[in-house]
Amino acid sequence: MTNKVAIVIFITTIIIIAGFLFFRNPQPKVPASNSFTTITSAQLSTMLKQKDFFFANVHIPYEGEIKDSDAFIPYDKITDNLDKLPKDKTAKIVLYCQSGRMSEIAAKELVSLGYTQVSHLSGGMIDWKNNAYEIIER
């Protein structure tokens, strides 16, 4: 009889564990839309014609700028400068830098902070200039 008791205990344990795993309440998953958009120079040029976004240069050190920039915020100090960004985390934000690397890092950081409409310029000011758009140098 001891083998039968052991088998019953084993099967009961498996049923309890399976029931727990099946009926437990899993944590909600973060939506996959938690990301930023990469835009081209041509797309940015079109967007600037009817500008409805916050536009920030995040490159350090300063290497020039694209006309109509709203702010200059170092990419690695973006969290220290949230007061310069729109308070509304659903506001459209476009970031750029010299090559696109720093703006991509800053975009990831803003998304992690809850900003939902963040874009960055692919290729940065290098691509912008290579596509015959103007860079302002001070």
Protein backbone atom coordinates (compact mmCIF):
# COMPACT_ATOMS: atom_id res chain seq x y z
CA MET A 1 0.00 0.00 0.00
CA THR A 2 2.87 2.42 0.50
CA ASN A 3 3.55 2.53 -3.26
CA LYS A 4 -0.12 3.39 -3.92
CA VAL A 5 -0.04 6.16 -1.29
CA ALA A 6 3.17 7.59 -2.78
CA ILE A 7 1.63 7.56 -6.27
CA VAL A 8 -1.54 9.30 -5.04
CA ILE A 9 0.53 11.97 -3.24
CA PHE A 10 2.69 12.46 -6.35
CA ILE A 11 -0.32 12.82 -8.68
CA THR A 12 -2.09 15.15 -6.22
CA THR A 13 1.02 17.33 -6.01
CA ILE A 14 1.28 17.53 -9.83
CA ILE A 15 -2.42 18.48 -10.09
CA ILE A 16 -2.03 21.22 -7.46
CA ILE A 17 1.08 22.67 -9.16
CA ALA A 18 -0.55 22.52 -12.60
CA GLY A 19 -3.68 24.22 -11.25
CA PHE A 20 -1.60 26.96 -9.64
CA LEU A 21 0.30 27.60 -12.88
CA PHE A 22 -2.87 27.57 -14.97
CA PHE A 23 -5.00 29.84 -12.79
CA ARG A 24 -2.43 32.30 -11.45
CA ASN A 25 -2.85 35.98 -12.41
CA PRO A 26 0.14 36.95 -14.60
CA GLN A 27 1.53 40.48 -14.52
CA PRO A 28 0.36 42.68 -17.40
CA LYS A 29 2.96 43.04 -20.15
CA VAL A 30 4.28 46.37 -21.33
CA PRO A 31 2.93 47.12 -24.82
CA ALA A 32 5.40 46.70 -27.69
CA SER A 33 4.67 50.28 -28.82
CA ASN A 34 7.07 51.51 -26.15
CA SER A 35 9.62 52.74 -28.71
CA PHE A 36 10.73 55.69 -30.79
CA THR A 37 10.60 56.40 -34.52
CA THR A 38 13.55 56.95 -36.82
CA ILE A 39 12.97 59.56 -39.52
CA THR A 40 14.91 60.52 -42.65
CA SER A 41 16.15 63.96 -43.65
CA ALA A 42 13.46 64.16 -46.33
CA GLN A 43 10.76 63.33 -43.79
CA LEU A 44 12.10 65.94 -41.37
CA SER A 45 12.21 68.56 -44.13
CA THR A 46 8.51 67.94 -44.84
CA MET A 47 7.66 68.00 -41.13
CA LEU A 48 9.43 71.34 -40.64
CA LYS A 49 7.15 73.00 -43.21
CA GLN A 50 4.24 72.64 -40.77
CA LYS A 51 6.18 72.29 -37.53
CA ASP A 52 4.01 70.84 -34.76
CA PHE A 53 6.69 69.24 -32.61
CA PHE A 54 9.42 70.07 -30.11
CA PHE A 55 12.76 69.99 -31.93
CA ALA A 56 16.00 69.49 -29.99
CA ASN A 57 19.66 69.24 -30.87
CA VAL A 58 21.28 66.77 -28.44
CA HIS A 59 24.80 66.71 -29.91
CA ILE A 60 27.81 67.55 -27.77
CA PRO A 61 29.90 69.50 -28.36
CA TYR A 62 27.98 72.03 -30.42
CA GLU A 63 28.60 71.40 -34.16
CA GLY A 64 25.88 73.55 -35.69
CA GLU A 65 22.12 73.25 -35.86
CA ILE A 66 19.11 72.77 -38.06
CA LYS A 67 16.87 75.83 -38.47
CA ASP A 68 13.87 76.01 -36.09
CA SER A 69 15.52 74.05 -33.28
CA ASP A 70 13.77 74.69 -29.97
CA ALA A 71 16.49 73.61 -27.56
CA PHE A 72 20.03 72.35 -27.15
CA ILE A 73 20.14 69.54 -24.61
CA PRO A 74 23.21 67.30 -24.20
CA TYR A 75 22.18 63.73 -25.01
CA ASP A 76 23.82 62.37 -21.86
CA LYS A 77 22.10 64.98 -19.65
CA ILE A 78 18.57 64.57 -21.05
CA THR A 79 17.17 63.44 -17.68
CA ASP A 80 18.75 66.47 -15.98
CA ASN A 81 16.97 68.79 -18.44
CA LEU A 82 13.38 67.52 -18.43
CA ASP A 83 12.29 71.08 -17.58
CA LYS A 84 13.34 72.08 -21.13
CA LEU A 85 11.09 69.42 -22.69
CA PRO A 86 7.30 69.57 -23.09
CA LYS A 87 5.55 68.70 -19.83
CA ASP A 88 3.03 66.63 -21.80
CA LYS A 89 4.64 63.23 -22.33
CA THR A 90 2.42 62.67 -25.37
CA ALA A 91 3.81 65.73 -27.18
CA LYS A 92 5.73 65.11 -30.41
CA ILE A 93 9.49 65.36 -29.90
CA VAL A 94 12.16 65.13 -32.60
CA LEU A 95 15.82 64.80 -31.60
CA TYR A 96 18.94 65.11 -33.73
CA CYS A 97 22.70 65.19 -33.38
CA GLN A 98 25.73 65.03 -35.68
CA SER A 99 25.44 61.41 -36.86
CA GLY A 100 22.31 59.96 -35.22
CA ARG A 101 24.03 57.99 -32.45
CA MET A 102 23.53 60.50 -29.65
CA SER A 103 19.95 61.27 -30.64
CA GLU A 104 19.14 57.55 -30.65
CA ILE A 105 20.52 57.20 -27.12
CA ALA A 106 18.51 60.23 -25.97
CA ALA A 107 15.35 58.92 -27.69
CA LYS A 108 15.66 55.59 -25.86
CA GLU A 109 16.03 57.45 -22.58
CA LEU A 110 12.93 59.60 -23.18
CA VAL A 111 10.87 56.54 -24.08
CA SER A 112 12.02 54.85 -20.87
CA LEU A 113 10.76 57.94 -19.01
CA GLY A 114 7.29 57.59 -20.53
CA TYR A 115 7.42 59.91 -23.56
CA THR A 116 5.29 58.34 -26.28
CA GLN A 117 5.92 60.30 -29.50
CA VAL A 118 9.69 60.50 -29.78
CA SER A 119 11.56 60.51 -33.09
CA HIS A 120 15.18 60.94 -34.03
CA LEU A 121 16.92 61.90 -37.27
CA SER A 122 18.72 58.99 -38.92
CA GLY A 123 22.23 60.05 -39.89
CA GLY A 124 21.86 63.34 -38.04
CA MET A 125 23.24 66.60 -39.40
CA ILE A 126 25.70 64.70 -41.59
CA ASP A 127 22.85 63.12 -43.54
CA TRP A 128 20.90 66.39 -43.44
CA LYS A 129 23.82 68.26 -45.06
CA ASN A 130 24.53 65.42 -47.54
CA ASN A 131 20.93 65.79 -48.76
CA ALA A 132 21.57 69.49 -49.51
CA TYR A 133 19.75 70.88 -46.46
CA GLU A 134 21.26 73.80 -44.58
CA ILE A 135 23.17 73.62 -41.30
CA ILE A 136 23.39 76.85 -39.31
CA GLU A 137 26.76 77.44 -37.67
CA ARG A 138 27.20 80.06 -34.99
